[in-house]
């Protein structure tokens, strides 16, 4: 539904993840509402293993969700490499 980019938050001089809602979804009000709900839900959570939400907004038809940048391996990469995650490791991740 979106693509995440590494960005730089100029005001606080720090890296940030910037999730952009893909154009084909941005034209669908239901996807826009879900995108905003995702960001707002993340903003309500505060945990060391959950990225911190910074902002959600729209600029000239581009919807974005700015979040804490984590410099680590993605779950997609882990699953591609390992194919199956052992239960004890999955519990730790969750």
PDB file of N, CA and C in Angstrom:
ATOM      1  N   UNK A   1       0.820  -1.186   0.000  1.00  0.00           N
ATOM      2  CA  UNK A   1       0.000   0.000   0.000  1.00  0.00           C
ATOM      3  C   UNK A   1       0.868   1.255   0.000  1.00  0.00           C
ATOM      4  N   UNK A   2       2.081   1.125   0.522  1.00  0.00           N
ATOM      5  CA  UNK A   2       2.979   2.267   0.563  1.00  0.00           C
ATOM      6  C   UNK A   2       4.412   1.822   0.416  1.00  0.00           C
ATOM      7  N   UNK A   3       5.264   2.784   0.151  1.00  0.00           N
ATOM      8  CA  UNK A   3       6.699   2.550   0.043  1.00  0.00           C
ATOM      9  C   UNK A   3       7.367   3.401   1.108  1.00  0.00           C
ATOM     10  N   UNK A   4       8.339   2.809   1.828  1.00  0.00           N
ATOM     11  CA  UNK A   4       9.033   3.540   2.889  1.00  0.00           C
ATOM     12  C   UNK A   4      10.405   3.964   2.396  1.00  0.00           C
ATOM     13  N   UNK A   5      10.710   5.231   2.618  1.00  0.00           N
ATOM     14  CA  UNK A   5      11.985   5.812   2.209  1.00  0.00           C
ATOM     15  C   UNK A   5      12.738   6.289   3.444  1.00  0.00           C
ATOM     16  N   UNK A   6      14.048   6.324   3.338  1.00  0.00           N
ATOM     17  CA  UNK A   6      14.864   6.956   4.362  1.00  0.00           C
ATOM     18  C   UNK A   6      14.857   8.450   4.063  1.00  0.00           C
ATOM     19  N   UNK A   7      14.463   9.230   5.047  1.00  0.00           N
ATOM     20  CA  UNK A   7      14.392  10.684   4.878  1.00  0.00           C
ATOM     21  C   UNK A   7      15.199  11.345   5.993  1.00  0.00           C
ATOM     22  N   UNK A   8      15.288  12.658   5.943  1.00  0.00           N
ATOM     23  CA  UNK A   8      15.975  13.420   6.975  1.00  0.00           C
ATOM     24  C   UNK A   8      15.029  14.490   7.493  1.00  0.00           C
ATOM     25  N   UNK A   9      14.743  14.434   8.785  1.00  0.00           N
ATOM     26  CA  UNK A   9      13.911  15.455   9.408  1.00  0.00           C
ATOM     27  C   UNK A   9      14.807  16.647   9.708  1.00  0.00           C
ATOM     28  N   UNK A  10      14.669  17.688   8.915  1.00  0.00           N
ATOM     29  CA  UNK A  10      15.545  18.853   9.010  1.00  0.00           C
ATOM     30  C   UNK A  10      15.386  19.562  10.352  1.00  0.00           C
ATOM     31  N   UNK A  11      14.145  19.714  10.812  1.00  0.00           N
ATOM     32  CA  UNK A  11      13.907  20.488  12.034  1.00  0.00           C
ATOM     33  C   UNK A  11      14.610  19.906  13.261  1.00  0.00           C
ATOM     34  N   UNK A  12      14.739  18.584  13.312  1.00  0.00           N
ATOM     35  CA  UNK A  12      15.397  17.949  14.464  1.00  0.00           C
ATOM     36  C   UNK A  12      16.707  17.269  14.091  1.00  0.00           C
ATOM     37  N   UNK A  13      17.130  17.443  12.843  1.00  0.00           N
ATOM     38  CA  UNK A  13      18.397  16.911  12.352  1.00  0.00           C
ATOM     39  C   UNK A  13      18.566  15.428  12.690  1.00  0.00           C
ATOM     40  N   UNK A  14      17.592  14.622  12.203  1.00  0.00           N
ATOM     41  CA  UNK A  14      17.647  13.187  12.464  1.00  0.00           C
ATOM     42  C   UNK A  14      17.062  12.420  11.277  1.00  0.00           C
ATOM     43  N   UNK A  15      17.471  11.163  11.136  1.00  0.00           N
ATOM     44  CA  UNK A  15      16.886  10.349  10.071  1.00  0.00           C
ATOM     45  C   UNK A  15      15.445   9.988  10.432  1.00  0.00           C
ATOM     46  N   UNK A  16      14.643   9.734   9.427  1.00  0.00           N
ATOM     47  CA  UNK A  16      13.255   9.336   9.633  1.00  0.00           C
ATOM     48  C   UNK A  16      12.847   8.395   8.510  1.00  0.00           C
ATOM     49  N   UNK A  17      11.915   7.521   8.827  1.00  0.00           N
ATOM     50  CA  UNK A  17      11.288   6.709   7.794  1.00  0.00           C
ATOM     51  C   UNK A  17      10.112   7.489   7.254  1.00  0.00           C
ATOM     52  N   UNK A  18       9.918   7.495   5.951  1.00  0.00           N
ATOM     53  CA  UNK A  18       8.818   8.233   5.352  1.00  0.00           C
ATOM     54  C   UNK A  18       8.034   7.282   4.455  1.00  0.00           C
ATOM     55  N   UNK A  19       6.857   6.894   4.929  1.00  0.00           N
ATOM     56  CA  UNK A  19       6.002   5.989   4.165  1.00  0.00           C
ATOM     57  C   UNK A  19       5.074   6.830   3.295  1.00  0.00           C
ATOM     58  N   UNK A  20       5.127   6.581   1.996  1.00  0.00           N
ATOM     59  CA  UNK A  20       4.310   7.311   1.027  1.00  0.00           C
ATOM     60  C   UNK A  20       3.235   6.364   0.511  1.00  0.00           C
ATOM     61  N   UNK A  21       1.991   6.792   0.586  1.00  0.00           N
ATOM     62  CA  UNK A  21       0.889   6.004   0.052  1.00  0.00           C
ATOM     63  C   UNK A  21       0.977   6.012  -1.467  1.00  0.00           C
ATOM     64  N   UNK A  22       0.995   4.830  -2.066  1.00  0.00           N
ATOM     65  CA  UNK A  22       1.124   4.738  -3.517  1.00  0.00           C
ATOM     66  C   UNK A  22      -0.032   5.465  -4.202  1.00  0.00           C
ATOM     67  N   UNK A  23       0.266   6.068  -5.337  1.00  0.00           N
ATOM     68  CA  UNK A  23      -0.689   6.920  -6.045  1.00  0.00           C
ATOM     69  C   UNK A  23      -2.010   6.213  -6.334  1.00  0.00           C
ATOM     70  N   UNK A  24      -1.944   4.951  -6.758  1.00  0.00           N
ATOM     71  CA  UNK A  24      -3.187   4.244  -7.086  1.00  0.00           C
ATOM     72  C   UNK A  24      -4.076   4.055  -5.852  1.00  0.00           C
ATOM     73  N   UNK A  25      -3.487   4.028  -4.649  1.00  0.00           N
ATOM     74  CA  UNK A  25      -4.277   3.939  -3.421  1.00  0.00           C
ATOM     75  C   UNK A  25      -4.699   5.315  -2.924  1.00  0.00           C
ATOM     76  N   UNK A  26      -3.911   6.323  -3.209  1.00  0.00           N
ATOM     77  CA  UNK A  26      -4.204   7.684  -2.746  1.00  0.00           C
ATOM     78  C   UNK A  26      -5.482   8.228  -3.370  1.00  0.00           C
ATOM     79  N   UNK A  27      -5.899   7.659  -4.479  1.00  0.00           N
ATOM     80  CA  UNK A  27      -7.136   8.090  -5.142  1.00  0.00           C
ATOM     81  C   UNK A  27      -8.358   7.360  -4.612  1.00  0.00           C
ATOM     82  N   UNK A  28      -8.156   6.466  -3.649  1.00  0.00           N
ATOM     83  CA  UNK A  28      -9.249   5.685  -3.080  1.00  0.00           C
ATOM     84  C   UNK A  28      -9.464   6.131  -1.633  1.00  0.00           C
ATOM     85  N   UNK A  29     -10.590   6.780  -1.346  1.00  0.00           N
ATOM     86  CA  UNK A  29     -10.827   7.308   0.008  1.00  0.00           C
ATOM     87  C   UNK A  29     -10.722   6.251   1.113  1.00  0.00           C
ATOM     88  N   UNK A  30     -11.106   5.025   0.834  1.00  0.00           N
ATOM     89  CA  UNK A  30     -11.037   3.962   1.841  1.00  0.00           C
ATOM     90  C   UNK A  30      -9.580   3.664   2.218  1.00  0.00           C
ATOM     91  N   UNK A  31      -8.691   3.635   1.237  1.00  0.00           N
ATOM     92  CA  UNK A  31      -7.277   3.396   1.512  1.00  0.00           C
ATOM     93  C   UNK A  31      -6.662   4.574   2.266  1.00  0.00           C
ATOM     94  N   UNK A  32      -7.070   5.774   1.916  1.00  0.00           N
ATOM     95  CA  UNK A  32      -6.556   6.969   2.602  1.00  0.00           C
ATOM     96  C   UNK A  32      -6.950   6.922   4.077  1.00  0.00           C
ATOM     97  N   UNK A  33      -8.204   6.591   4.353  1.00  0.00           N
ATOM     98  CA  UNK A  33      -8.678   6.497   5.739  1.00  0.00           C
ATOM     99  C   UNK A  33      -7.886   5.434   6.496  1.00  0.00           C
ATOM    100  N   UNK A  34      -7.661   4.279   5.876  1.00  0.00           N
ATOM    101  CA  UNK A  34      -6.899   3.207   6.528  1.00  0.00           C
ATOM    102  C   UNK A  34      -5.440   3.602   6.768  1.00  0.00           C
ATOM    103  N   UNK A  35      -4.866   4.329   5.825  1.00  0.00           N
ATOM    104  CA  UNK A  35      -3.485   4.809   5.955  1.00  0.00           C
ATOM    105  C   UNK A  35      -3.371   5.738   7.157  1.00  0.00           C
ATOM    106  N   UNK A  36      -4.307   6.660   7.280  1.00  0.00           N
ATOM    107  CA  UNK A  36      -4.313   7.606   8.401  1.00  0.00           C
ATOM    108  C   UNK A  36      -4.560   6.872   9.716  1.00  0.00           C
ATOM    109  N   UNK A  37      -5.458   5.882   9.702  1.00  0.00           N
ATOM    110  CA  UNK A  37      -5.720   5.080  10.912  1.00  0.00           C
ATOM    111  C   UNK A  37      -4.462   4.350  11.357  1.00  0.00           C
ATOM    112  N   UNK A  38      -3.707   3.810  10.393  1.00  0.00           N
ATOM    113  CA  UNK A  38      -2.457   3.108  10.721  1.00  0.00           C
ATOM    114  C   UNK A  38      -1.501   4.045  11.455  1.00  0.00           C
ATOM    115  N   UNK A  39      -1.333   5.246  10.928  1.00  0.00           N
ATOM    116  CA  UNK A  39      -0.424   6.210  11.548  1.00  0.00           C
ATOM    117  C   UNK A  39      -0.913   6.623  12.932  1.00  0.00           C
ATOM    118  N   UNK A  40      -2.197   6.862  13.058  1.00  0.00           N
ATOM    119  CA  UNK A  40      -2.746   7.270  14.356  1.00  0.00           C
ATOM    120  C   UNK A  40      -2.642   6.142  15.378  1.00  0.00           C
ATOM    121  N   UNK A  41      -2.843   4.920  14.939  1.00  0.00           N
ATOM    122  CA  UNK A  41      -2.699   3.767  15.842  1.00  0.00           C
ATOM    123  C   UNK A  41      -1.257   3.651  16.315  1.00  0.00           C
ATOM    124  N   UNK A  42      -0.316   3.806  15.404  1.00  0.00           N
ATOM    125  CA  UNK A  42       1.103   3.750  15.769  1.00  0.00           C
ATOM    126  C   UNK A  42       1.450   4.869  16.745  1.00  0.00           C
ATOM    127  N   UNK A  43       0.855   6.026  16.571  1.00  0.00           N
ATOM    128  CA  UNK A  43       1.155   7.174  17.437  1.00  0.00           C
ATOM    129  C   UNK A  43       0.685   6.943  18.875  1.00  0.00           C
ATOM    130  N   UNK A  44      -0.294   6.064  19.063  1.00  0.00           N
ATOM    131  CA  UNK A  44      -0.811   5.779  20.403  1.00  0.00           C
ATOM    132  C   UNK A  44       0.063   4.786  21.159  1.00  0.00           C
ATOM    133  N   UNK A  45       0.987   4.142  20.452  1.00  0.00           N
ATOM    134  CA  UNK A  45       1.830   3.124  21.067  1.00  0.00           C
ATOM    135  C   UNK A  45       3.198   3.690  21.414  1.00  0.00           C
ATOM    136  N   UNK A  46       3.723   3.246  22.534  1.00  0.00           N
ATOM    137  CA  UNK A  46       5.061   3.654  22.940  1.00  0.00           C
ATOM    138  C   UNK A  46       5.750   2.423  23.508  1.00  0.00           C
ATOM    139  N   UNK A  47       6.624   1.838  22.714  1.00  0.00           N
ATOM    140  CA  UNK A  47       7.308   0.613  23.101  1.00  0.00           C
ATOM    141  C   UNK A  47       8.646   0.567  22.370  1.00  0.00           C
ATOM    142  N   UNK A  48       9.697   0.048  23.011  1.00  0.00           N
ATOM    143  CA  UNK A  48      11.015   0.010  22.363  1.00  0.00           C
ATOM    144  C   UNK A  48      11.048  -0.794  21.063  1.00  0.00           C
ATOM    145  N   UNK A  49      10.100  -1.695  20.865  1.00  0.00           N
ATOM    146  CA  UNK A  49      10.102  -2.548  19.682  1.00  0.00           C
ATOM    147  C   UNK A  49       9.087  -2.102  18.634  1.00  0.00           C
ATOM    148  N   UNK A  50       8.518  -0.928  18.813  1.00  0.00           N
ATOM    149  CA  UNK A  50       7.566  -0.371  17.845  1.00  0.00           C
ATOM    150  C   UNK A  50       8.061   1.013  17.451  1.00  0.00           C
ATOM    151  N   UNK A  51       8.124   1.264  16.149  1.00  0.00           N
ATOM    152  CA  UNK A  51       8.602   2.579  15.708  1.00  0.00           C
ATOM    153  C   UNK A  51       7.675   3.682  16.209  1.00  0.00           C
ATOM    154  N   UNK A  52       8.270   4.798  16.536  1.00  0.00           N
ATOM    155  CA  UNK A  52       7.518   5.954  16.999  1.00  0.00           C
ATOM    156  C   UNK A  52       7.005   6.733  15.795  1.00  0.00           C
ATOM    157  N   UNK A  53       5.726   7.061  15.807  1.00  0.00           N
ATOM    158  CA  UNK A  53       5.141   7.863  14.739  1.00  0.00           C
ATOM    159  C   UNK A  53       5.467   9.332  14.971  1.00  0.00           C
ATOM    160  N   UNK A  54       5.847  10.037  13.901  1.00  0.00           N
ATOM    161  CA  UNK A  54       6.156  11.464  14.004  1.00  0.00           C
ATOM    162  C   UNK A  54       5.019  12.322  13.454  1.00  0.00           C
ATOM    163  N   UNK A  55       4.484  11.929  12.299  1.00  0.00           N
ATOM    164  CA  UNK A  55       3.453  12.755  11.664  1.00  0.00           C
ATOM    165  C   UNK A  55       2.752  11.970  10.574  1.00  0.00           C
ATOM    166  N   UNK A  56       1.541  12.375  10.284  1.00  0.00           N
ATOM    167  CA  UNK A  56       0.822  11.876   9.112  1.00  0.00           C
ATOM    168  C   UNK A  56       0.163  13.103   8.492  1.00  0.00           C
ATOM    169  N   UNK A  57       0.246  13.187   7.159  1.00  0.00           N
ATOM    170  CA  UNK A  57      -0.282  14.377   6.508  1.00  0.00           C
ATOM    171  C   UNK A  57      -0.413  14.127   5.010  1.00  0.00           C
ATOM    172  N   UNK A  58      -0.818  15.161   4.321  1.00  0.00           N
ATOM    173  CA  UNK A  58      -0.961  15.139   2.862  1.00  0.00           C
ATOM    174  C   UNK A  58      -0.405  16.440   2.324  1.00  0.00           C
ATOM    175  N   UNK A  59       0.326  16.347   1.233  1.00  0.00           N
ATOM    176  CA  UNK A  59       0.875  17.536   0.587  1.00  0.00           C
ATOM    177  C   UNK A  59       0.711  17.369  -0.914  1.00  0.00           C
ATOM    178  N   UNK A  60      -0.098  18.225  -1.504  1.00  0.00           N
ATOM    179  CA  UNK A  60      -0.359  18.200  -2.950  1.00  0.00           C
ATOM    180  C   UNK A  60      -0.779  16.816  -3.441  1.00  0.00           C
ATOM    181  N   UNK A  61      -1.658  16.172  -2.664  1.00  0.00           N
ATOM    182  CA  UNK A  61      -2.187  14.873  -3.056  1.00  0.00           C
ATOM    183  C   UNK A  61      -1.319  13.693  -2.673  1.00  0.00           C
ATOM    184  N   UNK A  62      -0.167  13.940  -2.051  1.00  0.00           N
ATOM    185  CA  UNK A  62       0.728  12.867  -1.614  1.00  0.00           C
ATOM    186  C   UNK A  62       0.522  12.678  -0.107  1.00  0.00           C
ATOM    187  N   UNK A  63       0.059  11.485   0.262  1.00  0.00           N
ATOM    188  CA  UNK A  63      -0.154  11.169   1.666  1.00  0.00           C
ATOM    189  C   UNK A  63       1.106  10.517   2.222  1.00  0.00           C
ATOM    190  N   UNK A  64       1.542  10.983   3.398  1.00  0.00           N
ATOM    191  CA  UNK A  64       2.761  10.440   3.976  1.00  0.00           C
ATOM    192  C   UNK A  64       2.607  10.217   5.473  1.00  0.00           C
ATOM    193  N   UNK A  65       3.411   9.298   5.967  1.00  0.00           N
ATOM    194  CA  UNK A  65       3.459   8.933   7.373  1.00  0.00           C
ATOM    195  C   UNK A  65       4.939   8.949   7.744  1.00  0.00           C
ATOM    196  N   UNK A  66       5.340   9.921   8.558  1.00  0.00           N
ATOM    197  CA  UNK A  66       6.730  10.033   8.997  1.00  0.00           C
ATOM    198  C   UNK A  66       6.883   9.288  10.312  1.00  0.00           C
ATOM    199  N   UNK A  67       7.973   8.519  10.412  1.00  0.00           N
ATOM    200  CA  UNK A  67       8.174   7.686  11.595  1.00  0.00           C
ATOM    201  C   UNK A  67       9.651   7.555  11.926  1.00  0.00           C
ATOM    202  N   UNK A  68       9.896   7.045  13.098  1.00  0.00           N
ATOM    203  CA  UNK A  68      11.255   6.765  13.548  1.00  0.00           C
ATOM    204  C   UNK A  68      11.946   5.843  12.548  1.00  0.00           C
ATOM    205  N   UNK A  69      13.216   6.130  12.283  1.00  0.00           N
ATOM    206  CA  UNK A  69      14.006   5.283  11.386  1.00  0.00           C
ATOM    207  C   UNK A  69      14.770   4.263  12.219  1.00  0.00           C
ATOM    208  N   UNK A  70      14.634   3.000  11.859  1.00  0.00           N
ATOM    209  CA  UNK A  70      15.358   1.918  12.528  1.00  0.00           C
ATOM    210  C   UNK A  70      16.344   1.333  11.525  1.00  0.00           C
ATOM    211  N   UNK A  71      17.616   1.393  11.847  1.00  0.00           N
ATOM    212  CA  UNK A  71      18.659   0.885  10.960  1.00  0.00           C
ATOM    213  C   UNK A  71      18.907  -0.579  11.296  1.00  0.00           C
ATOM    214  N   UNK A  72      18.082  -1.443  10.726  1.00  0.00           N
ATOM    215  CA  UNK A  72      18.201  -2.873  10.993  1.00  0.00           C
ATOM    216  C   UNK A  72      17.576  -3.650   9.843  1.00  0.00           C
ATOM    217  N   UNK A  73      17.647  -4.941   9.923  1.00  0.00           N
ATOM    218  CA  UNK A  73      17.122  -5.827   8.909  1.00  0.00           C
ATOM    219  C   UNK A  73      15.588  -5.808   8.939  1.00  0.00           C
ATOM    220  N   UNK A  74      14.956  -5.848   7.770  1.00  0.00           N
ATOM    221  CA  UNK A  74      13.501  -5.872   7.700  1.00  0.00           C
ATOM    222  C   UNK A  74      12.980  -7.293   7.915  1.00  0.00           C
ATOM    223  N   UNK A  75      11.728  -7.400   8.311  1.00  0.00           N
ATOM    224  CA  UNK A  75      11.117  -8.729   8.448  1.00  0.00           C
ATOM    225  C   UNK A  75      11.079  -9.425   7.098  1.00  0.00           C
ATOM    226  N   UNK A  76      10.887  -8.670   6.039  1.00  0.00           N
ATOM    227  CA  UNK A  76      10.884  -9.262   4.700  1.00  0.00           C
ATOM    228  C   UNK A  76      12.228  -9.934   4.417  1.00  0.00           C
ATOM    229  N   UNK A  77      13.311  -9.273   4.772  1.00  0.00           N
ATOM    230  CA  UNK A  77      14.645  -9.847   4.554  1.00  0.00           C
ATOM    231  C   UNK A  77      14.853 -11.095   5.411  1.00  0.00           C
ATOM    232  N   UNK A  78      14.383 -11.046   6.656  1.00  0.00           N
ATOM    233  CA  UNK A  78      14.510 -12.203   7.548  1.00  0.00           C
ATOM    234  C   UNK A  78      13.759 -13.388   6.968  1.00  0.00           C
ATOM    235  N   UNK A  79      12.527 -13.166   6.525  1.00  0.00           N
ATOM    236  CA  UNK A  79      11.719 -14.255   5.971  1.00  0.00           C
ATOM    237  C   UNK A  79      12.270 -14.773   4.651  1.00  0.00           C
ATOM    238  N   UNK A  80      12.831 -13.889   3.848  1.00  0.00           N
ATOM    239  CA  UNK A  80      13.445 -14.318   2.587  1.00  0.00           C
ATOM    240  C   UNK A  80      14.647 -15.221   2.870  1.00  0.00           C
ATOM    241  N   UNK A  81      15.436 -14.837   3.852  1.00  0.00           N
ATOM    242  CA  UNK A  81      16.630 -15.603   4.194  1.00  0.00           C
ATOM    243  C   UNK A  81      16.288 -16.902   4.922  1.00  0.00           C
ATOM    244  N   UNK A  82      15.458 -16.817   5.955  1.00  0.00           N
ATOM    245  CA  UNK A  82      15.213 -17.965   6.830  1.00  0.00           C
ATOM    246  C   UNK A  82      14.025 -18.831   6.410  1.00  0.00           C
ATOM    247  N   UNK A  83      13.139 -18.288   5.600  1.00  0.00           N
ATOM    248  CA  UNK A  83      11.913 -18.973   5.146  1.00  0.00           C
ATOM    249  C   UNK A  83      10.933 -19.234   6.291  1.00  0.00           C
ATOM    250  N   UNK A  84      11.399 -19.810   7.383  1.00  0.00           N
ATOM    251  CA  UNK A  84      10.559 -20.103   8.545  1.00  0.00           C
ATOM    252  C   UNK A  84      11.281 -19.585   9.784  1.00  0.00           C
ATOM    253  N   UNK A  85      10.529 -18.982  10.678  1.00  0.00           N
ATOM    254  CA  UNK A  85      11.116 -18.465  11.915  1.00  0.00           C
ATOM    255  C   UNK A  85      10.751 -19.415  13.048  1.00  0.00           C
ATOM    256  N   UNK A  86      11.762 -19.803  13.810  1.00  0.00           N
ATOM    257  CA  UNK A  86      11.530 -20.683  14.961  1.00  0.00           C
ATOM    258  C   UNK A  86      10.581 -20.007  15.956  1.00  0.00           C
ATOM    259  N   UNK A  87       9.803 -20.803  16.646  1.00  0.00           N
ATOM    260  CA  UNK A  87       8.794 -20.273  17.565  1.00  0.00           C
ATOM    261  C   UNK A  87       9.406 -19.357  18.610  1.00  0.00           C
ATOM    262  N   UNK A  88      10.528 -19.738  19.211  1.00  0.00           N
ATOM    263  CA  UNK A  88      11.128 -18.907  20.258  1.00  0.00           C
ATOM    264  C   UNK A  88      11.573 -17.552  19.708  1.00  0.00           C
ATOM    265  N   UNK A  89      12.093 -17.543  18.474  1.00  0.00           N
ATOM    266  CA  UNK A  89      12.493 -16.283  17.849  1.00  0.00           C
ATOM    267  C   UNK A  89      11.268 -15.437  17.495  1.00  0.00           C
ATOM    268  N   UNK A  90      10.214 -16.096  17.004  1.00  0.00           N
ATOM    269  CA  UNK A  90       8.973 -15.389  16.665  1.00  0.00           C
ATOM    270  C   UNK A  90       8.353 -14.743  17.902  1.00  0.00           C
ATOM    271  N   UNK A  91       8.375 -15.445  19.016  1.00  0.00           N
ATOM    272  CA  UNK A  91       7.841 -14.903  20.270  1.00  0.00           C
ATOM    273  C   UNK A  91       8.647 -13.680  20.694  1.00  0.00           C
ATOM    274  N   UNK A  92       9.965 -13.752  20.549  1.00  0.00           N
ATOM    275  CA  UNK A  92      10.813 -12.614  20.892  1.00  0.00           C
ATOM    276  C   UNK A  92      10.495 -11.414  20.011  1.00  0.00           C
ATOM    277  N   UNK A  93      10.296 -11.653  18.724  1.00  0.00           N
ATOM    278  CA  UNK A  93       9.984 -10.573  17.790  1.00  0.00           C
ATOM    279  C   UNK A  93       8.645  -9.945  18.116  1.00  0.00           C
ATOM    280  N   UNK A  94       7.683 -10.785  18.401  1.00  0.00           N
ATOM    281  CA  UNK A  94       6.320 -10.284  18.694  1.00  0.00           C
ATOM    282  C   UNK A  94       6.319  -9.546  19.995  1.00  0.00           C
TER     283      UNK A  94
END
